[in-house]
């Protein structure tokens, strides 16, 4: 907390009682909430806020439904520095996943972490997310990896900071831009896992083209 340290930003209106805009350990701020549940009306209030410096949206286990997820996609589009979205443990189904998938191509390529674990996704919703997140244009090219199980780290600031520790550049040893997608603890079954895996390493549909990735199913 030196004189140049960022301070929590005060929000306006109803959003002031539902959301917190905290400094991260890196650049930008983390949008989170201490409320037990976040409704679509709460998310709508965030659309009135200044969001340019939001680098992470961290809203796990908040009872977020499909309508709220759809609006969160719109909120994220206003975050020009966004690097991470954690929506773990909510009530998002394939309908909400489809809405998020429509927003993902409009987000900056700085978005490298997406956690939708422990929701209610099945194969179609998971494939829509994988196609939109892993198959976005303008992505750098490198190698890919696949892992199963596990859960996203609980520290909100790690949503940003952990990205540099995923995979090194081939032959270089320095961290590269990587993507982390967590779809674990959903209802994908073997069919869904296969569909999502097609987007690794330039697989089905021209999916991911050699981008460093951690995928959890």
Protein backbone atom coordinates (compact mmCIF):
# COMPACT_ATOMS: atom_id res chain seq x y z
CA UNK A 1 0.00 0.00 0.00
CA UNK A 2 2.46 2.73 -1.03
CA UNK A 3 1.35 6.12 -2.30
CA UNK A 4 1.10 4.78 -5.86
CA UNK A 5 -0.94 1.69 -4.94
CA UNK A 6 -4.36 1.22 -6.47
CA UNK A 7 -7.34 1.54 -4.19
CA UNK A 8 -10.74 -0.15 -4.53
CA UNK A 9 -12.92 1.90 -6.82
CA UNK A 10 -16.27 3.05 -5.51
CA UNK A 11 -19.20 1.91 -7.66
CA UNK A 12 -22.43 3.78 -8.20
CA UNK A 13 -26.07 2.99 -7.58
CA UNK A 14 -27.16 -0.53 -6.69
CA UNK A 15 -23.91 -1.96 -8.04
CA UNK A 16 -22.12 -0.37 -5.07
CA UNK A 17 -23.80 -2.85 -2.76
CA UNK A 18 -23.36 -5.93 -4.95
CA UNK A 19 -19.93 -5.71 -6.57
CA UNK A 20 -16.37 -4.86 -5.59
CA UNK A 21 -13.73 -3.46 -7.94
CA UNK A 22 -10.41 -4.37 -6.33
CA UNK A 23 -6.81 -3.84 -7.48
CA UNK A 24 -5.09 -6.95 -8.84
CA UNK A 25 -1.47 -7.90 -8.33
CA UNK A 26 -0.91 -7.14 -11.99
CA UNK A 27 -2.41 -4.39 -14.13
CA UNK A 28 -6.09 -3.57 -13.93
CA UNK A 29 -8.79 -4.49 -11.45
CA UNK A 30 -10.76 -7.57 -10.42
CA UNK A 31 -14.55 -7.35 -10.55
CA UNK A 32 -15.98 -9.60 -7.82
CA UNK A 33 -18.85 -9.75 -5.36
CA UNK A 34 -19.36 -10.62 -1.70
CA UNK A 35 -23.08 -11.24 -2.28
CA UNK A 36 -24.34 -14.81 -2.04
CA UNK A 37 -26.23 -14.56 -5.34
CA UNK A 38 -25.96 -12.35 -8.39
CA UNK A 39 -29.15 -11.73 -10.38
CA UNK A 40 -29.67 -10.47 -13.90
CA UNK A 41 -30.74 -7.14 -12.39
CA UNK A 42 -27.42 -6.91 -10.53
CA UNK A 43 -25.45 -7.54 -13.72
CA UNK A 44 -27.53 -4.93 -15.55
CA UNK A 45 -26.37 -2.35 -13.00
CA UNK A 46 -22.75 -3.04 -13.95
CA UNK A 47 -23.44 -1.81 -17.47
CA UNK A 48 -23.59 1.71 -16.02
CA UNK A 49 -20.04 1.49 -14.63
CA UNK A 50 -16.66 2.41 -16.09
CA UNK A 51 -15.08 -0.96 -16.90
CA UNK A 52 -12.08 -0.16 -19.10
CA UNK A 53 -9.54 -1.20 -16.47
CA UNK A 54 -11.23 -4.48 -15.46
CA UNK A 55 -8.77 -7.31 -16.08
CA UNK A 56 -10.70 -10.14 -14.40
CA UNK A 57 -14.34 -10.99 -13.72
CA UNK A 58 -14.34 -13.31 -10.70
CA UNK A 59 -17.87 -14.46 -9.84
CA UNK A 60 -17.78 -18.13 -8.76
CA UNK A 61 -20.70 -19.80 -6.99
CA UNK A 62 -23.07 -16.84 -7.22
CA UNK A 63 -26.16 -18.58 -8.60
CA UNK A 64 -25.67 -16.91 -11.99
CA UNK A 65 -28.29 -18.15 -14.44
CA UNK A 66 -28.49 -18.01 -18.24
CA UNK A 67 -29.95 -14.50 -18.40
CA UNK A 68 -27.26 -13.14 -16.09
CA UNK A 69 -24.57 -14.98 -18.09
CA UNK A 70 -25.84 -13.39 -21.30
CA UNK A 71 -25.54 -9.91 -19.75
CA UNK A 72 -22.10 -10.74 -18.36
CA UNK A 73 -21.00 -11.30 -21.94
CA UNK A 74 -22.08 -7.73 -22.70
CA UNK A 75 -20.31 -6.45 -19.58
CA UNK A 76 -17.11 -8.25 -20.59
CA UNK A 77 -17.22 -6.60 -24.02
CA UNK A 78 -16.73 -3.26 -22.26
CA UNK A 79 -13.59 -4.49 -20.46
CA UNK A 80 -10.87 -3.62 -22.94
CA UNK A 81 -8.13 -5.20 -20.76
CA UNK A 82 -9.93 -8.35 -19.70
CA UNK A 83 -7.69 -11.37 -19.19
CA UNK A 84 -9.79 -13.78 -17.15
CA UNK A 85 -13.39 -14.77 -16.44
CA UNK A 86 -14.21 -17.17 -13.61
CA UNK A 87 -17.86 -18.28 -13.55
CA UNK A 88 -17.24 -21.57 -11.75
CA UNK A 89 -20.05 -23.25 -9.83
CA UNK A 90 -23.03 -21.32 -11.19
CA UNK A 91 -26.31 -22.34 -12.85
CA UNK A 92 -25.30 -21.84 -16.48
CA UNK A 93 -26.71 -24.32 -19.00
CA UNK A 94 -26.15 -24.69 -22.75
CA UNK A 95 -28.41 -21.69 -23.36
CA UNK A 96 -26.17 -19.44 -21.28
CA UNK A 97 -23.06 -20.99 -22.84
CA UNK A 98 -24.38 -20.17 -26.31
CA UNK A 99 -24.90 -16.54 -25.24
CA UNK A 100 -21.37 -16.33 -23.83
CA UNK A 101 -19.99 -17.97 -26.96
CA UNK A 102 -21.57 -15.24 -29.09
CA UNK A 103 -19.80 -12.60 -26.99
CA UNK A 104 -16.37 -14.24 -26.90
CA UNK A 105 -15.29 -13.32 -30.47
CA UNK A 106 -15.96 -9.67 -29.60
CA UNK A 107 -13.63 -9.72 -26.58
CA UNK A 108 -9.96 -8.72 -26.76
CA UNK A 109 -7.38 -11.44 -27.43
CA UNK A 110 -6.02 -10.59 -23.97
CA UNK A 111 -8.69 -12.95 -22.56
CA UNK A 112 -6.65 -16.06 -21.80
CA UNK A 113 -8.49 -17.71 -18.87
CA UNK A 114 -12.09 -18.92 -18.91
CA UNK A 115 -13.48 -21.06 -16.09
CA UNK A 116 -16.96 -22.52 -16.56
CA UNK A 117 -16.38 -25.60 -14.41
CA UNK A 118 -19.12 -27.06 -12.22
CA UNK A 119 -22.03 -25.61 -14.17
CA UNK A 120 -24.71 -27.51 -16.12
CA UNK A 121 -23.18 -27.65 -19.58
CA UNK A 122 -23.64 -30.59 -21.91
CA UNK A 123 -21.86 -31.36 -25.17
CA UNK A 124 -23.46 -28.64 -27.37
CA UNK A 125 -22.80 -25.81 -24.92
CA UNK A 126 -19.24 -26.94 -24.26
CA UNK A 127 -18.51 -27.19 -27.98
CA UNK A 128 -19.88 -23.68 -28.55
CA UNK A 129 -17.58 -22.31 -25.85
CA UNK A 130 -14.55 -24.22 -27.13
CA UNK A 131 -15.17 -23.09 -30.71
CA UNK A 132 -15.54 -19.44 -29.68
CA UNK A 133 -12.72 -19.33 -27.12
CA UNK A 134 -10.11 -21.60 -28.66
CA UNK A 135 -10.85 -20.92 -32.31
CA UNK A 136 -10.80 -17.13 -32.28
CA UNK A 137 -8.96 -15.42 -35.11
CA UNK A 138 -5.78 -13.47 -34.56
CA UNK A 139 -4.35 -16.01 -32.11
CA UNK A 140 -0.61 -16.62 -31.89
CA UNK A 141 0.67 -20.06 -32.91
CA UNK A 142 2.53 -22.47 -30.65
CA UNK A 143 1.97 -25.94 -29.15
CA UNK A 144 -0.98 -27.27 -27.14
CA UNK A 145 -1.48 -29.53 -24.11
CA UNK A 146 -4.42 -31.39 -22.61
CA UNK A 147 -5.17 -32.18 -18.96
CA UNK A 148 -8.14 -33.67 -17.14
CA UNK A 149 -9.55 -33.06 -13.70
CA UNK A 150 -8.64 -30.40 -11.17
CA UNK A 151 -10.22 -27.05 -10.53
CA UNK A 152 -9.31 -23.43 -11.09
CA UNK A 153 -7.29 -21.73 -8.38
CA UNK A 154 -9.40 -19.88 -5.84
CA UNK A 155 -7.22 -16.76 -5.51
CA UNK A 156 -8.89 -14.09 -7.70
CA UNK A 157 -5.57 -12.41 -8.52
CA UNK A 158 -4.20 -15.73 -9.77
CA UNK A 159 -6.73 -15.53 -12.59
CA UNK A 160 -4.33 -13.05 -14.14
CA UNK A 161 -0.95 -14.00 -12.72
CA UNK A 162 -1.10 -17.76 -13.31
CA UNK A 163 -1.25 -17.37 -17.08
CA UNK A 164 2.50 -16.75 -17.37
CA UNK A 165 3.24 -20.10 -15.73
CA UNK A 166 1.27 -22.33 -18.08
CA UNK A 167 3.60 -23.22 -20.92
CA UNK A 168 6.94 -21.90 -22.28
CA UNK A 169 7.52 -20.87 -25.87
CA UNK A 170 8.86 -23.82 -27.84
CA UNK A 171 12.65 -23.84 -27.53
CA UNK A 172 12.73 -20.54 -25.72
CA UNK A 173 11.98 -21.04 -22.04
CA UNK A 174 10.11 -17.75 -21.70
CA UNK A 175 6.34 -17.74 -20.92
CA UNK A 176 4.10 -17.34 -23.93
CA UNK A 177 0.56 -16.19 -24.28
CA UNK A 178 -1.49 -19.21 -23.28
CA UNK A 179 -5.15 -20.08 -23.00
CA UNK A 180 -6.76 -21.85 -20.07
CA UNK A 181 -10.25 -23.30 -20.46
CA UNK A 182 -11.85 -25.20 -17.57
CA UNK A 183 -15.02 -27.15 -18.39
CA UNK A 184 -14.57 -29.80 -15.68
CA UNK A 185 -17.45 -31.05 -13.54
CA UNK A 186 -20.09 -30.44 -16.18
CA UNK A 187 -22.13 -33.09 -17.99
CA UNK A 188 -20.14 -33.46 -21.19
CA UNK A 189 -19.84 -37.27 -21.27
CA UNK A 190 -17.49 -38.88 -23.79
CA UNK A 191 -19.21 -37.27 -26.76
CA UNK A 192 -18.77 -33.78 -25.36
CA UNK A 193 -15.16 -34.36 -24.39
CA UNK A 194 -14.45 -35.49 -27.93
CA UNK A 195 -16.11 -32.44 -29.45
CA UNK A 196 -14.16 -30.04 -27.25
CA UNK A 197 -10.85 -31.84 -27.81
CA UNK A 198 -11.26 -31.29 -31.56
CA UNK A 199 -10.40 -27.63 -30.99
CA UNK A 200 -6.93 -28.47 -29.68
CA UNK A 201 -4.00 -28.48 -32.06
CA UNK A 202 -5.87 -27.32 -35.15
CA UNK A 203 -8.43 -30.11 -34.98
CA UNK A 204 -12.03 -30.17 -36.15
CA UNK A 205 -13.52 -27.14 -37.75
CA UNK A 206 -10.12 -25.48 -38.12
CA UNK A 207 -10.18 -25.07 -34.33
CA UNK A 208 -7.21 -24.08 -32.24
CA UNK A 209 -4.12 -23.53 -34.36
CA UNK A 210 -1.10 -24.46 -32.23
CA UNK A 211 -2.00 -22.12 -29.36
CA UNK A 212 -0.65 -23.06 -25.90
CA UNK A 213 -3.65 -24.31 -23.97
CA UNK A 214 -4.64 -25.93 -20.71
CA UNK A 215 -8.01 -27.64 -21.11
CA UNK A 216 -9.73 -29.24 -18.13
CA UNK A 217 -12.69 -31.55 -18.67
